[in-house]
Each structure stands twice: as structure tokens, then as C-alpha cells.
Amino acid sequence: MTFKNIIAYSKYLIKGTKIEVLKNSSTTLYVYDKVAGTKKDNITLPIAAKAIAYDGTNFWILISDGSFKKLDKNFAIAVSYSKSAAIPRITSTARA
């Protein structure tokens, strides 16, 4: 699998000199050097994720059931957040 092919169907993060690419609904985070474009060691996540984000300190992953996991710098689950209730839709009222 090449770098260009992975970017086409995945979520990715850019951190320093690395690009980290998540294949959708996977536990594999592919790591590339963003300057040279060379592949580095992959990272295995503790659970399959649909999306990933990095807030500068922790990684956040979205799980297929709608819950979130906060991961520490070693990609271990630090905190789990269950799926929240749906937000009720507000409908506009007709003006007289």
C-alpha cells in the first residue's frame, strides 16, 4: 500500500515531521515521514477507530458505536466517553 493510496481513503494527522494515517474502522495507524515520504513503524491502536484527532497532548478516537476514547501519548486508553444522547431537532415556527 502506498502513501498516496492511503491518503485517498483514510483520516490523517500531521504532527511535527510525521504524518499518521488511520485506515477507517481499523486499529492500524500508518506512520510516514512527511519530508521524505518514507514509511516508518505502524502504531497499533487498542480498539478499531473511525476517526482520530490530536489536541496537542492526547489522541482522541471515535468508535463505531459513537463513543469516544481519550488515548495517552503511548496510545493506551486513558478515559472512555459513552455515546451521548441525540440533540433534539428544533423546528422553526411559521410567522404570522
PDB file of N, CA and C in Angstrom:
ATOM      1  N   MET A   1       0.855  -1.171   0.000  1.00  0.00           N
ATOM      2  CA  MET A   1       0.000   0.000   0.000  1.00  0.00           C
ATOM      3  C   MET A   1       0.902   1.235   0.000  1.00  0.00           C
ATOM      4  N   THR A   2       0.632   2.161  -0.893  1.00  0.00           N
ATOM      5  CA  THR A   2       1.476   3.343  -0.990  1.00  0.00           C
ATOM      6  C   THR A   2       0.870   4.495  -0.209  1.00  0.00           C
ATOM      7  N   PHE A   3       1.707   5.480   0.052  1.00  0.00           N
ATOM      8  CA  PHE A   3       1.300   6.662   0.792  1.00  0.00           C
ATOM      9  C   PHE A   3       0.115   7.348   0.111  1.00  0.00           C
ATOM     10  N   LYS A   4       0.167   7.529  -1.191  1.00  0.00           N
ATOM     11  CA  LYS A   4      -0.907   8.200  -1.922  1.00  0.00           C
ATOM     12  C   LYS A   4      -2.218   7.423  -1.826  1.00  0.00           C
ATOM     13  N   ASN A   5      -2.163   6.109  -1.897  1.00  0.00           N
ATOM     14  CA  ASN A   5      -3.376   5.296  -1.808  1.00  0.00           C
ATOM     15  C   ASN A   5      -4.020   5.396  -0.429  1.00  0.00           C
ATOM     16  N   ILE A   6      -3.214   5.434   0.603  1.00  0.00           N
ATOM     17  CA  ILE A   6      -3.755   5.507   1.962  1.00  0.00           C
ATOM     18  C   ILE A   6      -4.462   6.836   2.197  1.00  0.00           C
ATOM     19  N   ILE A   7      -3.851   7.940   1.773  1.00  0.00           N
ATOM     20  CA  ILE A   7      -4.455   9.263   1.961  1.00  0.00           C
ATOM     21  C   ILE A   7      -5.834   9.326   1.295  1.00  0.00           C
ATOM     22  N   ALA A   8      -6.021   8.617   0.205  1.00  0.00           N
ATOM     23  CA  ALA A   8      -7.270   8.690  -0.548  1.00  0.00           C
ATOM     24  C   ALA A   8      -8.480   8.194   0.244  1.00  0.00           C
ATOM     25  N   TYR A   9      -8.310   7.273   1.192  1.00  0.00           N
ATOM     26  CA  TYR A   9      -9.485   6.744   1.887  1.00  0.00           C
ATOM     27  C   TYR A   9      -9.327   6.689   3.403  1.00  0.00           C
ATOM     28  N   SER A  10      -8.506   7.541   3.972  1.00  0.00           N
ATOM     29  CA  SER A  10      -8.250   7.473   5.395  1.00  0.00           C
ATOM     30  C   SER A  10      -8.316   8.837   6.057  1.00  0.00           C
ATOM     31  N   LYS A  11      -8.307   8.825   7.375  1.00  0.00           N
ATOM     32  CA  LYS A  11      -8.164  10.035   8.177  1.00  0.00           C
ATOM     33  C   LYS A  11      -6.677  10.178   8.495  1.00  0.00           C
ATOM     34  N   TYR A  12      -6.181  11.387   8.585  1.00  0.00           N
ATOM     35  CA  TYR A  12      -4.762  11.519   8.891  1.00  0.00           C
ATOM     36  C   TYR A  12      -4.478  12.712   9.793  1.00  0.00           C
ATOM     37  N   LEU A  13      -3.340  12.638  10.492  1.00  0.00           N
ATOM     38  CA  LEU A  13      -2.849  13.690  11.370  1.00  0.00           C
ATOM     39  C   LEU A  13      -1.462  14.093  10.903  1.00  0.00           C
ATOM     40  N   ILE A  14      -1.133  15.354  11.042  1.00  0.00           N
ATOM     41  CA  ILE A  14       0.224  15.805  10.763  1.00  0.00           C
ATOM     42  C   ILE A  14       0.795  16.314  12.077  1.00  0.00           C
ATOM     43  N   LYS A  15       1.857  15.653  12.545  1.00  0.00           N
ATOM     44  CA  LYS A  15       2.495  16.006  13.815  1.00  0.00           C
ATOM     45  C   LYS A  15       3.993  16.130  13.586  1.00  0.00           C
ATOM     46  N   GLY A  16       4.524  17.343  13.739  1.00  0.00           N
ATOM     47  CA  GLY A  16       5.960  17.529  13.559  1.00  0.00           C
ATOM     48  C   GLY A  16       6.399  17.070  12.191  1.00  0.00           C
ATOM     49  N   THR A  17       7.316  16.117  12.139  1.00  0.00           N
ATOM     50  CA  THR A  17       7.811  15.608  10.860  1.00  0.00           C
ATOM     51  C   THR A  17       7.108  14.325  10.440  1.00  0.00           C
ATOM     52  N   LYS A  18       5.996  13.974  11.122  1.00  0.00           N
ATOM     53  CA  LYS A  18       5.292  12.724  10.829  1.00  0.00           C
ATOM     54  C   LYS A  18       3.885  12.985  10.304  1.00  0.00           C
ATOM     55  N   ILE A  19       3.443  12.095   9.438  1.00  0.00           N
ATOM     56  CA  ILE A  19       2.041  12.032   9.043  1.00  0.00           C
ATOM     57  C   ILE A  19       1.542  10.682   9.536  1.00  0.00           C
ATOM     58  N   GLU A  20       0.466  10.703  10.310  1.00  0.00           N
ATOM     59  CA  GLU A  20      -0.123   9.472  10.835  1.00  0.00           C
ATOM     60  C   GLU A  20      -1.473   9.285  10.154  1.00  0.00           C
ATOM     61  N   VAL A  21      -1.650   8.122   9.539  1.00  0.00           N
ATOM     62  CA  VAL A  21      -2.816   7.861   8.706  1.00  0.00           C
ATOM     63  C   VAL A  21      -3.613   6.700   9.286  1.00  0.00           C
ATOM     64  N   LEU A  22      -4.907   6.929   9.527  1.00  0.00           N
ATOM     65  CA  LEU A  22      -5.790   5.896  10.059  1.00  0.00           C
ATOM     66  C   LEU A  22      -6.658   5.346   8.945  1.00  0.00           C
ATOM     67  N   LYS A  23      -6.562   4.054   8.710  1.00  0.00           N
ATOM     68  CA  LYS A  23      -7.493   3.407   7.782  1.00  0.00           C
ATOM     69  C   LYS A  23      -8.823   3.303   8.518  1.00  0.00           C
ATOM     70  N   ASN A  24      -9.908   3.697   7.865  1.00  0.00           N
ATOM     71  CA  ASN A  24     -11.220   3.744   8.507  1.00  0.00           C
ATOM     72  C   ASN A  24     -11.595   2.415   9.159  1.00  0.00           C
ATOM     73  N   SER A  25     -12.095   2.492  10.385  1.00  0.00           N
ATOM     74  CA  SER A  25     -12.530   1.333  11.177  1.00  0.00           C
ATOM     75  C   SER A  25     -11.419   0.311  11.346  1.00  0.00           C
ATOM     76  N   SER A  26     -10.238   0.798  11.653  1.00  0.00           N
ATOM     77  CA  SER A  26      -9.063  -0.059  11.778  1.00  0.00           C
ATOM     78  C   SER A  26      -8.339   0.215  13.087  1.00  0.00           C
ATOM     79  N   THR A  27      -7.466  -0.713  13.474  1.00  0.00           N
ATOM     80  CA  THR A  27      -6.605  -0.496  14.638  1.00  0.00           C
ATOM     81  C   THR A  27      -5.209  -0.071  14.206  1.00  0.00           C
ATOM     82  N   THR A  28      -4.985   0.055  12.902  1.00  0.00           N
ATOM     83  CA  THR A  28      -3.651   0.398  12.413  1.00  0.00           C
ATOM     84  C   THR A  28      -3.545   1.872  12.080  1.00  0.00           C
ATOM     85  N   LEU A  29      -2.520   2.511  12.638  1.00  0.00           N
ATOM     86  CA  LEU A  29      -2.178   3.891  12.330  1.00  0.00           C
ATOM     87  C   LEU A  29      -0.858   3.832  11.577  1.00  0.00           C
ATOM     88  N   TYR A  30      -0.901   4.121  10.270  1.00  0.00           N
ATOM     89  CA  TYR A  30       0.312   4.097   9.444  1.00  0.00           C
ATOM     90  C   TYR A  30       1.082   5.383   9.678  1.00  0.00           C
ATOM     91  N   VAL A  31       2.402   5.295   9.817  1.00  0.00           N
ATOM     92  CA  VAL A  31       3.230   6.467  10.102  1.00  0.00           C
ATOM     93  C   VAL A  31       4.216   6.674   8.959  1.00  0.00           C
ATOM     94  N   TYR A  32       4.284   7.922   8.469  1.00  0.00           N
ATOM     95  CA  TYR A  32       5.186   8.291   7.388  1.00  0.00           C
ATOM     96  C   TYR A  32       5.990   9.518   7.784  1.00  0.00           C
ATOM     97  N   ASP A  33       7.195   9.633   7.258  1.00  0.00           N
ATOM     98  CA  ASP A  33       7.995  10.845   7.387  1.00  0.00           C
ATOM     99  C   ASP A  33       7.450  11.816   6.346  1.00  0.00           C
ATOM    100  N   LYS A  34       6.975  12.988   6.770  1.00  0.00           N
ATOM    101  CA  LYS A  34       6.325  13.887   5.822  1.00  0.00           C
ATOM    102  C   LYS A  34       7.309  14.586   4.899  1.00  0.00           C
ATOM    103  N   VAL A  35       8.577  14.664   5.289  1.00  0.00           N
ATOM    104  CA  VAL A  35       9.574  15.306   4.441  1.00  0.00           C
ATOM    105  C   VAL A  35      10.037  14.346   3.348  1.00  0.00           C
ATOM    106  N   ALA A  36      10.447  13.132   3.736  1.00  0.00           N
ATOM    107  CA  ALA A  36      10.972  12.151   2.784  1.00  0.00           C
ATOM    108  C   ALA A  36       9.873  11.288   2.170  1.00  0.00           C
ATOM    109  N   GLY A  37       8.709  11.215   2.813  1.00  0.00           N
ATOM    110  CA  GLY A  37       7.633  10.366   2.329  1.00  0.00           C
ATOM    111  C   GLY A  37       7.875   8.883   2.574  1.00  0.00           C
ATOM    112  N   THR A  38       8.841   8.574   3.438  1.00  0.00           N
ATOM    113  CA  THR A  38       9.161   7.176   3.710  1.00  0.00           C
ATOM    114  C   THR A  38       8.296   6.642   4.841  1.00  0.00           C
ATOM    115  N   LYS A  39       8.008   5.350   4.773  1.00  0.00           N
ATOM    116  CA  LYS A  39       7.190   4.693   5.783  1.00  0.00           C
ATOM    117  C   LYS A  39       8.016   4.420   7.027  1.00  0.00           C
ATOM    118  N   LYS A  40       7.404   4.683   8.188  1.00  0.00           N
ATOM    119  CA  LYS A  40       8.015   4.352   9.473  1.00  0.00           C
ATOM    120  C   LYS A  40       7.214   3.214  10.097  1.00  0.00           C
ATOM    121  N   ASP A  41       7.485   2.892  11.349  1.00  0.00           N
ATOM    122  CA  ASP A  41       6.763   1.818  12.024  1.00  0.00           C
ATOM    123  C   ASP A  41       5.297   2.194  12.225  1.00  0.00           C
ATOM    124  N   ASN A  42       4.399   1.228  12.020  1.00  0.00           N
ATOM    125  CA  ASN A  42       2.974   1.435  12.275  1.00  0.00           C
ATOM    126  C   ASN A  42       2.718   1.453  13.773  1.00  0.00           C
ATOM    127  N   ILE A  43       1.605   2.057  14.150  1.00  0.00           N
ATOM    128  CA  ILE A  43       1.160   2.078  15.542  1.00  0.00           C
ATOM    129  C   ILE A  43      -0.137   1.285  15.607  1.00  0.00           C
ATOM    130  N   THR A  44      -0.270   0.412  16.595  1.00  0.00           N
ATOM    131  CA  THR A  44      -1.489  -0.360  16.773  1.00  0.00           C
ATOM    132  C   THR A  44      -2.321   0.282  17.880  1.00  0.00           C
ATOM    133  N   LEU A  45      -3.542   0.665  17.532  1.00  0.00           N
ATOM    134  CA  LEU A  45      -4.460   1.260  18.499  1.00  0.00           C
ATOM    135  C   LEU A  45      -5.127   0.152  19.308  1.00  0.00           C
ATOM    136  N   PRO A  46      -5.551   0.462  20.541  1.00  0.00           N
ATOM    137  CA  PRO A  46      -6.170  -0.567  21.388  1.00  0.00           C
ATOM    138  C   PRO A  46      -7.556  -1.014  20.920  1.00  0.00           C
ATOM    139  N   ILE A  47      -8.191  -0.237  20.043  1.00  0.00           N
ATOM    140  CA  ILE A  47      -9.531  -0.555  19.554  1.00  0.00           C
ATOM    141  C   ILE A  47      -9.697   0.077  18.174  1.00  0.00           C
ATOM    142  N   ALA A  48     -10.502  -0.542  17.321  1.00  0.00           N
ATOM    143  CA  ALA A  48     -10.725  -0.007  15.974  1.00  0.00           C
ATOM    144  C   ALA A  48     -11.400   1.364  16.061  1.00  0.00           C
ATOM    145  N   ALA A  49     -10.917   2.298  15.252  1.00  0.00           N
ATOM    146  CA  ALA A  49     -11.427   3.667  15.289  1.00  0.00           C
ATOM    147  C   ALA A  49     -11.909   4.106  13.912  1.00  0.00           C
ATOM    148  N   LYS A  50     -12.954   4.944  13.906  1.00  0.00           N
ATOM    149  CA  LYS A  50     -13.465   5.505  12.659  1.00  0.00           C
ATOM    150  C   LYS A  50     -12.785   6.823  12.329  1.00  0.00           C
ATOM    151  N   ALA A  51     -12.324   7.545  13.364  1.00  0.00           N
ATOM    152  CA  ALA A  51     -11.664   8.837  13.171  1.00  0.00           C
ATOM    153  C   ALA A  51     -10.699   9.060  14.322  1.00  0.00           C
ATOM    154  N   ILE A  52      -9.712   9.923  14.088  1.00  0.00           N
ATOM    155  CA  ILE A  52      -8.725  10.222  15.119  1.00  0.00           C
ATOM    156  C   ILE A  52      -8.415  11.715  15.111  1.00  0.00           C
ATOM    157  N   ALA A  53      -8.140  12.263  16.269  1.00  0.00           N
ATOM    158  CA  ALA A  53      -7.766  13.672  16.401  1.00  0.00           C
ATOM    159  C   ALA A  53      -6.673  13.767  17.457  1.00  0.00           C
ATOM    160  N   TYR A  54      -5.901  14.841  17.387  1.00  0.00           N
ATOM    161  CA  TYR A  54      -4.825  15.086  18.358  1.00  0.00           C
ATOM    162  C   TYR A  54      -4.963  16.514  18.836  1.00  0.00           C
ATOM    163  N   ASP A  55      -5.037  16.717  20.154  1.00  0.00           N
ATOM    164  CA  ASP A  55      -5.235  18.061  20.703  1.00  0.00           C
ATOM    165  C   ASP A  55      -3.945  18.707  21.197  1.00  0.00           C
ATOM    166  N   GLY A  56      -2.812  18.117  20.876  1.00  0.00           N
ATOM    167  CA  GLY A  56      -1.527  18.645  21.322  1.00  0.00           C
ATOM    168  C   GLY A  56      -0.993  17.896  22.524  1.00  0.00           C
ATOM    169  N   THR A  57      -1.856  17.194  23.233  1.00  0.00           N
ATOM    170  CA  THR A  57      -1.465  16.408  24.395  1.00  0.00           C
ATOM    171  C   THR A  57      -1.917  14.958  24.264  1.00  0.00           C
ATOM    172  N   ASN A  58      -3.165  14.777  23.894  1.00  0.00           N
ATOM    173  CA  ASN A  58      -3.766  13.440  23.821  1.00  0.00           C
ATOM    174  C   ASN A  58      -4.358  13.172  22.449  1.00  0.00           C
ATOM    175  N   PHE A  59      -4.507  11.896  22.145  1.00  0.00           N
ATOM    176  CA  PHE A  59      -5.214  11.469  20.952  1.00  0.00           C
ATOM    177  C   PHE A  59      -6.649  11.155  21.354  1.00  0.00           C
ATOM    178  N   TRP A  60      -7.582  11.405  20.448  1.00  0.00           N
ATOM    179  CA  TRP A  60      -8.993  11.112  20.650  1.00  0.00           C
ATOM    180  C   TRP A  60      -9.434  10.256  19.489  1.00  0.00           C
ATOM    181  N   ILE A  61     -10.118   9.151  19.767  1.00  0.00           N
ATOM    182  CA  ILE A  61     -10.623   8.308  18.694  1.00  0.00           C
ATOM    183  C   ILE A  61     -12.131   8.149  18.822  1.00  0.00           C
ATOM    184  N   LEU A  62     -12.791   8.112  17.670  1.00  0.00           N
ATOM    185  CA  LEU A  62     -14.233   7.876  17.594  1.00  0.00           C
ATOM    186  C   LEU A  62     -14.430   6.410  17.248  1.00  0.00           C
ATOM    187  N   ILE A  63     -15.253   5.727  18.038  1.00  0.00           N
ATOM    188  CA  ILE A  63     -15.526   4.312  17.854  1.00  0.00           C
ATOM    189  C   ILE A  63     -16.829   4.169  17.052  1.00  0.00           C
ATOM    190  N   SER A  64     -17.021   3.063  16.378  1.00  0.00           N
ATOM    191  CA  SER A  64     -18.186   2.871  15.513  1.00  0.00           C
ATOM    192  C   SER A  64     -19.527   2.981  16.245  1.00  0.00           C
ATOM    193  N   ASP A  65     -19.545   2.751  17.562  1.00  0.00           N
ATOM    194  CA  ASP A  65     -20.807   2.866  18.313  1.00  0.00           C
ATOM    195  C   ASP A  65     -21.119   4.304  18.724  1.00  0.00           C
ATOM    196  N   GLY A  66     -20.272   5.258  18.335  1.00  0.00           N
ATOM    197  CA  GLY A  66     -20.494   6.667  18.646  1.00  0.00           C
ATOM    198  C   GLY A  66     -19.801   7.146  19.901  1.00  0.00           C
ATOM    199  N   SER A  67     -19.101   6.266  20.609  1.00  0.00           N
ATOM    200  CA  SER A  67     -18.377   6.678  21.810  1.00  0.00           C
ATOM    201  C   SER A  67     -16.981   7.185  21.438  1.00  0.00           C
ATOM    202  N   PHE A  68     -16.349   7.870  22.387  1.00  0.00           N
ATOM    203  CA  PHE A  68     -15.001   8.388  22.204  1.00  0.00           C
ATOM    204  C   PHE A  68     -14.071   7.765  23.222  1.00  0.00           C
ATOM    205  N   LYS A  69     -12.810   7.647  22.854  1.00  0.00           N
ATOM    206  CA  LYS A  69     -11.768   7.215  23.778  1.00  0.00           C
ATOM    207  C   LYS A  69     -10.663   8.270  23.741  1.00  0.00           C
ATOM    208  N   LYS A  70     -10.201   8.659  24.909  1.00  0.00           N
ATOM    209  CA  LYS A  70      -9.058   9.552  25.028  1.00  0.00           C
ATOM    210  C   LYS A  70      -7.844   8.666  25.250  1.00  0.00           C
ATOM    211  N   LEU A  71      -6.828   8.802  24.379  1.00  0.00           N
ATOM    212  CA  LEU A  71      -5.621   7.988  24.482  1.00  0.00           C
ATOM    213  C   LEU A  71      -4.465   8.835  24.983  1.00  0.00           C
ATOM    214  N   ASP A  72      -3.582   8.225  25.773  1.00  0.00           N
ATOM    215  CA  ASP A  72      -2.397   8.943  26.226  1.00  0.00           C
ATOM    216  C   ASP A  72      -1.340   8.923  25.125  1.00  0.00           C
ATOM    217  N   LYS A  73      -0.156   9.479  25.423  1.00  0.00           N
ATOM    218  CA  LYS A  73       0.897   9.581  24.401  1.00  0.00           C
ATOM    219  C   LYS A  73       1.419   8.219  23.953  1.00  0.00           C
ATOM    220  N   ASN A  74       1.148   7.169  24.731  1.00  0.00           N
ATOM    221  CA  ASN A  74       1.555   5.809  24.367  1.00  0.00           C
ATOM    222  C   ASN A  74       0.417   5.031  23.712  1.00  0.00           C
ATOM    223  N   PHE A  75      -0.660   5.723  23.380  1.00  0.00           N
ATOM    224  CA  PHE A  75      -1.843   5.159  22.723  1.00  0.00           C
ATOM    225  C   PHE A  75      -2.595   4.157  23.595  1.00  0.00           C
ATOM    226  N   ALA A  76      -2.480   4.284  24.890  1.00  0.00           N
ATOM    227  CA  ALA A  76      -3.272   3.480  25.829  1.00  0.00           C
ATOM    228  C   ALA A  76      -4.533   4.281  26.162  1.00  0.00           C
ATOM    229  N   ILE A  77      -5.650   3.589  26.385  1.00  0.00           N
ATOM    230  CA  ILE A  77      -6.901   4.279  26.716  1.00  0.00           C
ATOM    231  C   ILE A  77      -6.782   4.908  28.094  1.00  0.00           C
ATOM    232  N   ALA A  78      -6.947   6.237  28.150  1.00  0.00           N
ATOM    233  CA  ALA A  78      -6.883   6.977  29.412  1.00  0.00           C
ATOM    234  C   ALA A  78      -8.283   7.180  29.984  1.00  0.00           C
ATOM    235  N   VAL A  79      -9.240   7.525  29.114  1.00  0.00           N
ATOM    236  CA  VAL A  79     -10.617   7.781  29.537  1.00  0.00           C
ATOM    237  C   VAL A  79     -11.557   7.353  28.416  1.00  0.00           C
ATOM    238  N   SER A  80     -12.698   6.792  28.793  1.00  0.00           N
ATOM    239  CA  SER A  80     -13.729   6.422  27.825  1.00  0.00           C
ATOM    240  C   SER A  80     -14.953   7.300  28.030  1.00  0.00           C
ATOM    241  N   TYR A  81     -15.542   7.753  26.942  1.00  0.00           N
ATOM    242  CA  TYR A  81     -16.751   8.570  26.987  1.00  0.00           C
ATOM    243  C   TYR A  81     -17.826   7.850  26.175  1.00  0.00           C
ATOM    244  N   SER A  82     -18.955   7.574  26.801  1.00  0.00           N
ATOM    245  CA  SER A  82     -20.022   6.863  26.095  1.00  0.00           C
ATOM    246  C   SER A  82     -20.710   7.791  25.101  1.00  0.00           C
ATOM    247  N   LYS A  83     -21.463   7.187  24.214  1.00  0.00           N
ATOM    248  CA  LYS A  83     -22.203   7.952  23.220  1.00  0.00           C
ATOM    249  C   LYS A  83     -23.210   8.829  23.944  1.00  0.00           C
ATOM    250  N   SER A  84     -23.274  10.086  23.541  1.00  0.00           N
ATOM    251  CA  SER A  84     -24.222  11.000  24.183  1.00  0.00           C
ATOM    252  C   SER A  84     -25.592  10.871  23.541  1.00  0.00           C
ATOM    253  N   ALA A  85     -26.579  11.352  24.221  1.00  0.00           N
ATOM    254  CA  ALA A  85     -27.942  11.329  23.698  1.00  0.00           C
ATOM    255  C   ALA A  85     -28.040  12.253  22.492  1.00  0.00           C
ATOM    256  N   ALA A  86     -28.946  11.956  21.611  1.00  0.00           N
ATOM    257  CA  ALA A  86     -29.147  12.789  20.424  1.00  0.00           C
ATOM    258  C   ALA A  86     -29.653  14.163  20.839  1.00  0.00           C
ATOM    259  N   ILE A  87     -29.220  15.169  20.132  1.00  0.00           N
ATOM    260  CA  ILE A  87     -29.683  16.532  20.394  1.00  0.00           C
ATOM    261  C   ILE A  87     -31.015  16.696  19.667  1.00  0.00           C
ATOM    262  N   PRO A  88     -32.042  17.144  20.391  1.00  0.00           N
ATOM    263  CA  PRO A  88     -33.354  17.279  19.727  1.00  0.00           C
ATOM    264  C   PRO A  88     -33.309  18.334  18.623  1.00  0.00           C
ATOM    265  N   ARG A  89     -33.999  18.041  17.549  1.00  0.00           N
ATOM    266  CA  ARG A  89     -34.048  18.969  16.425  1.00  0.00           C
ATOM    267  C   ARG A  89     -35.049  20.076  16.730  1.00  0.00           C
ATOM    268  N   ILE A  90     -34.647  21.299  16.494  1.00  0.00           N
ATOM    269  CA  ILE A  90     -35.527  22.443  16.736  1.00  0.00           C
ATOM    270  C   ILE A  90     -36.135  22.843  15.395  1.00  0.00           C
ATOM    271  N   THR A  91     -37.434  22.873  15.359  1.00  0.00           N
ATOM    272  CA  THR A  91     -38.114  23.274  14.121  1.00  0.00           C
ATOM    273  C   THR A  91     -38.542  24.724  14.253  1.00  0.00           C
ATOM    274  N   SER A  92     -38.466  25.429  13.156  1.00  0.00           N
ATOM    275  CA  SER A  92     -38.868  26.844  13.198  1.00  0.00           C
ATOM    276  C   SER A  92     -40.401  26.933  13.151  1.00  0.00           C
ATOM    277  N   THR A  93     -40.910  27.974  13.726  1.00  0.00           N
ATOM    278  CA  THR A  93     -42.364  28.183  13.722  1.00  0.00           C
ATOM    279  C   THR A  93     -42.702  29.182  12.629  1.00  0.00           C
ATOM    280  N   ALA A  94     -43.874  29.008  12.058  1.00  0.00           N
ATOM    281  CA  ALA A  94     -44.311  29.931  10.981  1.00  0.00           C
ATOM    282  C   ALA A  94     -44.611  31.285  11.583  1.00  0.00           C
ATOM    283  N   ARG A  95     -44.263  32.331  10.824  1.00  0.00           N
ATOM    284  CA  ARG A  95     -44.563  33.696  11.277  1.00  0.00           C
ATOM    285  C   ARG A  95     -45.911  34.131  10.718  1.00  0.00           C
ATOM    286  N   ALA A  96     -46.620  34.869  11.532  1.00  0.00           N
ATOM    287  CA  ALA A  96     -47.947  35.325  11.098  1.00  0.00           C
ATOM    288  C   ALA A  96     -47.836  36.579  10.288  1.00  0.00           C
TER     289      ALA A  96
END
